Amino acid sequence: MYKIEEFDKAKTKVLKYIFYKKRTEQEIKNKFSRVIEENLLEDVIEELKQIGYIDDEKYVLRAINEFMALNTLSIKEIKYKLMSKGVKSNIIDDYISNNYDTLLEYEKSSAKKIAIKKSNLEKQDVKMYLMKKGYKEESIKEAL
């Protein structure tokens, strides 16, 4: 068993990391797995989850709102970005299914923005580009 000072020191390190920028549980594990003993890190993460500093569901909500404000992404790209941060796919899928209409509207407007930006290209090339980026058929049709 570890000492209270050890736990507090580890907790402070993790808190500094997540106060700088919100992180997923997996990002924290990746960052500290080599410097904090595994059981100690698990306990720190558990405590921070209980008091609300680590919450992957809130992370998904915040991240998607940021993506929608700043980027032009397909729903599939959003999902991949979140998965690359270590968010479990069931959390992402739940969010997507609960907010599908909003996300689909966002995807359609993103596809339109891209189509306008690439209006100098052939329609077929724009369509292929959007398909590669994971846009749904209906979003592509509406954009073109």
C-alpha atoms as a PDB file:
ATOM      1  CA  MET A   1       0.000   0.000   0.000  1.00  0.00           C
ATOM      2  CA  TYR A   2       1.200   3.510  -0.717  1.00  0.00           C
ATOM      3  CA  LYS A   3       1.387   6.507   1.571  1.00  0.00           C
ATOM      4  CA  ILE A   4      -1.073   9.411   1.626  1.00  0.00           C
ATOM      5  CA  GLU A   5       1.703  11.799   0.491  1.00  0.00           C
ATOM      6  CA  GLU A   6       2.369   9.552  -2.509  1.00  0.00           C
ATOM      7  CA  PHE A   7      -1.325   9.520  -3.409  1.00  0.00           C
ATOM      8  CA  ASP A   8      -1.629  13.314  -3.064  1.00  0.00           C
ATOM      9  CA  LYS A   9       1.493  13.885  -5.157  1.00  0.00           C
ATOM     10  CA  ALA A  10       0.165  11.621  -7.938  1.00  0.00           C
ATOM     11  CA  LYS A  11      -3.282  13.229  -7.731  1.00  0.00           C
ATOM     12  CA  THR A  12      -1.722  16.716  -8.032  1.00  0.00           C
ATOM     13  CA  LYS A  13       0.219  15.655 -11.159  1.00  0.00           C
ATOM     14  CA  VAL A  14      -2.921  14.300 -12.800  1.00  0.00           C
ATOM     15  CA  LEU A  15      -4.984  17.343 -11.797  1.00  0.00           C
ATOM     16  CA  LYS A  16      -2.429  19.728 -13.320  1.00  0.00           C
ATOM     17  CA  TYR A  17      -2.615  17.727 -16.538  1.00  0.00           C
ATOM     18  CA  ILE A  18      -6.426  17.821 -16.728  1.00  0.00           C
ATOM     19  CA  PHE A  19      -6.741  21.462 -15.628  1.00  0.00           C
ATOM     20  CA  TYR A  20      -4.508  22.505 -18.510  1.00  0.00           C
ATOM     21  CA  LYS A  21      -6.889  20.828 -20.970  1.00  0.00           C
ATOM     22  CA  LYS A  22      -9.775  18.423 -20.401  1.00  0.00           C
ATOM     23  CA  ARG A  23      -8.633  14.838 -20.951  1.00  0.00           C
ATOM     24  CA  THR A  24     -10.158  11.412 -21.316  1.00  0.00           C
ATOM     25  CA  GLU A  25      -9.454   8.617 -18.868  1.00  0.00           C
ATOM     26  CA  GLN A  26      -7.358   6.867 -21.531  1.00  0.00           C
ATOM     27  CA  GLU A  27      -5.245   9.970 -22.199  1.00  0.00           C
ATOM     28  CA  ILE A  28      -4.449  10.152 -18.476  1.00  0.00           C
ATOM     29  CA  LYS A  29      -3.496   6.476 -18.372  1.00  0.00           C
ATOM     30  CA  ASN A  30      -1.272   6.890 -21.442  1.00  0.00           C
ATOM     31  CA  LYS A  31       0.460   9.944 -19.972  1.00  0.00           C
ATOM     32  CA  PHE A  32       1.147   8.597 -16.490  1.00  0.00           C
ATOM     33  CA  SER A  33       1.438   4.815 -16.902  1.00  0.00           C
ATOM     34  CA  ARG A  34       5.256   4.975 -16.856  1.00  0.00           C
ATOM     35  CA  VAL A  35       5.650   7.466 -13.987  1.00  0.00           C
ATOM     36  CA  ILE A  36       2.900   6.470 -11.552  1.00  0.00           C
ATOM     37  CA  GLU A  37       2.537   2.913 -10.261  1.00  0.00           C
ATOM     38  CA  GLU A  38      -0.507   1.210 -11.850  1.00  0.00           C
ATOM     39  CA  ASN A  39      -2.629   0.614  -8.720  1.00  0.00           C
ATOM     40  CA  LEU A  40      -1.925   4.117  -7.466  1.00  0.00           C
ATOM     41  CA  LEU A  41      -2.881   5.613 -10.849  1.00  0.00           C
ATOM     42  CA  GLU A  42      -6.114   3.571 -10.931  1.00  0.00           C
ATOM     43  CA  ASP A  43      -7.043   4.832  -7.444  1.00  0.00           C
ATOM     44  CA  VAL A  44      -6.270   8.450  -8.383  1.00  0.00           C
ATOM     45  CA  ILE A  45      -8.382   8.142 -11.547  1.00  0.00           C
ATOM     46  CA  GLU A  46     -11.227   6.532  -9.597  1.00  0.00           C
ATOM     47  CA  GLU A  47     -11.264   9.346  -7.040  1.00  0.00           C
ATOM     48  CA  LEU A  48     -11.146  12.030  -9.742  1.00  0.00           C
ATOM     49  CA  LYS A  49     -14.013  10.307 -11.569  1.00  0.00           C
ATOM     50  CA  GLN A  50     -16.089  10.275  -8.388  1.00  0.00           C
ATOM     51  CA  ILE A  51     -15.628  14.009  -7.841  1.00  0.00           C
ATOM     52  CA  GLY A  52     -16.293  14.800 -11.511  1.00  0.00           C
ATOM     53  CA  TYR A  53     -12.872  15.846 -12.807  1.00  0.00           C
ATOM     54  CA  ILE A  54     -12.696  12.893 -15.190  1.00  0.00           C
ATOM     55  CA  ASP A  55     -15.902  12.211 -17.095  1.00  0.00           C
ATOM     56  CA  ASP A  56     -15.687  10.796 -20.616  1.00  0.00           C
ATOM     57  CA  GLU A  57     -19.388  11.499 -21.289  1.00  0.00           C
ATOM     58  CA  LYS A  58     -18.944  15.206 -20.514  1.00  0.00           C
ATOM     59  CA  TYR A  59     -15.733  15.121 -22.570  1.00  0.00           C
ATOM     60  CA  VAL A  60     -17.688  13.819 -25.595  1.00  0.00           C
ATOM     61  CA  LEU A  61     -20.317  16.546 -25.218  1.00  0.00           C
ATOM     62  CA  ARG A  62     -17.700  19.307 -24.949  1.00  0.00           C
ATOM     63  CA  ALA A  63     -15.524  17.918 -27.759  1.00  0.00           C
ATOM     64  CA  ILE A  64     -18.420  17.543 -30.201  1.00  0.00           C
ATOM     65  CA  ASN A  65     -19.600  21.087 -29.463  1.00  0.00           C
ATOM     66  CA  GLU A  66     -16.062  22.321 -30.209  1.00  0.00           C
ATOM     67  CA  PHE A  67     -15.853  20.273 -33.422  1.00  0.00           C
ATOM     68  CA  MET A  68     -19.214  21.645 -34.574  1.00  0.00           C
ATOM     69  CA  ALA A  69     -18.144  25.223 -33.854  1.00  0.00           C
ATOM     70  CA  LEU A  70     -14.699  25.037 -35.450  1.00  0.00           C
ATOM     71  CA  ASN A  71     -14.544  22.242 -38.032  1.00  0.00           C
ATOM     72  CA  THR A  72     -16.306  20.718 -40.982  1.00  0.00           C
ATOM     73  CA  LEU A  73     -16.448  17.037 -40.136  1.00  0.00           C
ATOM     74  CA  SER A  74     -18.607  14.055 -40.952  1.00  0.00           C
ATOM     75  CA  ILE A  75     -20.217  12.072 -38.125  1.00  0.00           C
ATOM     76  CA  LYS A  76     -17.740   9.291 -38.891  1.00  0.00           C
ATOM     77  CA  GLU A  77     -14.775  11.694 -38.513  1.00  0.00           C
ATOM     78  CA  ILE A  78     -16.124  12.920 -35.182  1.00  0.00           C
ATOM     79  CA  LYS A  79     -16.367   9.327 -33.982  1.00  0.00           C
ATOM     80  CA  TYR A  80     -12.796   8.535 -35.085  1.00  0.00           C
ATOM     81  CA  LYS A  81     -11.413  11.660 -33.406  1.00  0.00           C
ATOM     82  CA  LEU A  82     -13.076  10.729 -30.110  1.00  0.00           C
ATOM     83  CA  MET A  83     -11.975   7.099 -30.363  1.00  0.00           C
ATOM     84  CA  SER A  84      -8.390   8.269 -30.946  1.00  0.00           C
ATOM     85  CA  LYS A  85      -8.644  10.035 -27.563  1.00  0.00           C
ATOM     86  CA  GLY A  86      -9.539   6.718 -25.959  1.00  0.00           C
ATOM     87  CA  VAL A  87     -13.256   7.315 -25.472  1.00  0.00           C
ATOM     88  CA  LYS A  88     -15.144   4.009 -25.438  1.00  0.00           C
ATOM     89  CA  SER A  89     -17.227   3.539 -28.579  1.00  0.00           C
ATOM     90  CA  ASN A  90     -20.421   2.817 -26.611  1.00  0.00           C
ATOM     91  CA  ILE A  91     -20.242   6.305 -25.033  1.00  0.00           C
ATOM     92  CA  ILE A  92     -19.758   7.856 -28.486  1.00  0.00           C
ATOM     93  CA  ASP A  93     -22.523   5.745 -30.062  1.00  0.00           C
ATOM     94  CA  ASP A  94     -24.955   6.674 -27.269  1.00  0.00           C
ATOM     95  CA  TYR A  95     -24.249  10.370 -27.791  1.00  0.00           C
ATOM     96  CA  ILE A  96     -24.611  10.076 -31.568  1.00  0.00           C
ATOM     97  CA  SER A  97     -27.901   8.173 -31.383  1.00  0.00           C
ATOM     98  CA  ASN A  98     -29.337  10.598 -28.794  1.00  0.00           C
ATOM     99  CA  ASN A  99     -28.332  13.632 -30.913  1.00  0.00           C
ATOM    100  CA  TYR A 100     -28.549  12.144 -34.387  1.00  0.00           C
ATOM    101  CA  ASP A 101     -30.786  14.799 -35.992  1.00  0.00           C
ATOM    102  CA  THR A 102     -28.565  17.658 -34.810  1.00  0.00           C
ATOM    103  CA  LEU A 103     -25.409  15.862 -35.935  1.00  0.00           C
ATOM    104  CA  LEU A 104     -26.917  15.027 -39.319  1.00  0.00           C
ATOM    105  CA  GLU A 105     -27.849  18.681 -39.882  1.00  0.00           C
ATOM    106  CA  TYR A 106     -24.302  19.655 -38.907  1.00  0.00           C
ATOM    107  CA  GLU A 107     -22.867  17.047 -41.297  1.00  0.00           C
ATOM    108  CA  LYS A 108     -25.066  18.326 -44.138  1.00  0.00           C
ATOM    109  CA  SER A 109     -23.962  21.929 -43.579  1.00  0.00           C
ATOM    110  CA  SER A 110     -20.317  20.788 -43.357  1.00  0.00           C
ATOM    111  CA  ALA A 111     -20.680  18.951 -46.674  1.00  0.00           C
ATOM    112  CA  LYS A 112     -22.176  22.096 -48.234  1.00  0.00           C
ATOM    113  CA  LYS A 113     -19.287  24.243 -46.977  1.00  0.00           C
ATOM    114  CA  ILE A 114     -16.765  21.801 -48.425  1.00  0.00           C
ATOM    115  CA  ALA A 115     -18.657  21.612 -51.741  1.00  0.00           C
ATOM    116  CA  ILE A 116     -18.621  25.416 -51.970  1.00  0.00           C
ATOM    117  CA  LYS A 117     -14.895  25.555 -51.124  1.00  0.00           C
ATOM    118  CA  LYS A 118     -14.133  22.942 -53.775  1.00  0.00           C
ATOM    119  CA  SER A 119     -16.558  24.307 -56.377  1.00  0.00           C
ATOM    120  CA  ASN A 120     -13.659  24.661 -58.828  1.00  0.00           C
ATOM    121  CA  LEU A 121     -13.440  20.852 -58.987  1.00  0.00           C
ATOM    122  CA  GLU A 122     -15.642  18.475 -60.957  1.00  0.00           C
ATOM    123  CA  LYS A 123     -18.804  17.398 -59.134  1.00  0.00           C
ATOM    124  CA  GLN A 124     -17.613  13.782 -59.180  1.00  0.00           C
ATOM    125  CA  ASP A 125     -14.296  14.756 -57.515  1.00  0.00           C
ATOM    126  CA  VAL A 126     -16.114  16.645 -54.763  1.00  0.00           C
ATOM    127  CA  LYS A 127     -18.399  13.646 -54.263  1.00  0.00           C
ATOM    128  CA  MET A 128     -15.399  11.283 -54.009  1.00  0.00           C
ATOM    129  CA  TYR A 129     -13.683  13.626 -51.537  1.00  0.00           C
ATOM    130  CA  LEU A 130     -16.762  13.746 -49.310  1.00  0.00           C
ATOM    131  CA  MET A 131     -17.208   9.976 -49.513  1.00  0.00           C
ATOM    132  CA  LYS A 132     -13.569   9.448 -48.443  1.00  0.00           C
ATOM    133  CA  LYS A 133     -14.184  11.727 -45.458  1.00  0.00           C
ATOM    134  CA  GLY A 134     -17.084   9.520 -44.359  1.00  0.00           C
ATOM    135  CA  TYR A 135     -20.040  11.727 -45.265  1.00  0.00           C
ATOM    136  CA  LYS A 136     -23.381   9.986 -45.596  1.00  0.00           C
ATOM    137  CA  GLU A 137     -24.947   9.679 -49.057  1.00  0.00           C
ATOM    138  CA  GLU A 138     -27.843  12.014 -48.156  1.00  0.00           C
ATOM    139  CA  SER A 139     -25.442  14.691 -46.908  1.00  0.00           C
ATOM    140  CA  ILE A 140     -23.443  14.490 -50.137  1.00  0.00           C
ATOM    141  CA  LYS A 141     -26.582  14.654 -52.310  1.00  0.00           C
ATOM    142  CA  GLU A 142     -27.850  17.698 -50.465  1.00  0.00           C
ATOM    143  CA  ALA A 143     -24.457  19.415 -50.690  1.00  0.00           C
ATOM    144  CA  LEU A 144     -24.208  18.923 -54.439  1.00  0.00           C
END
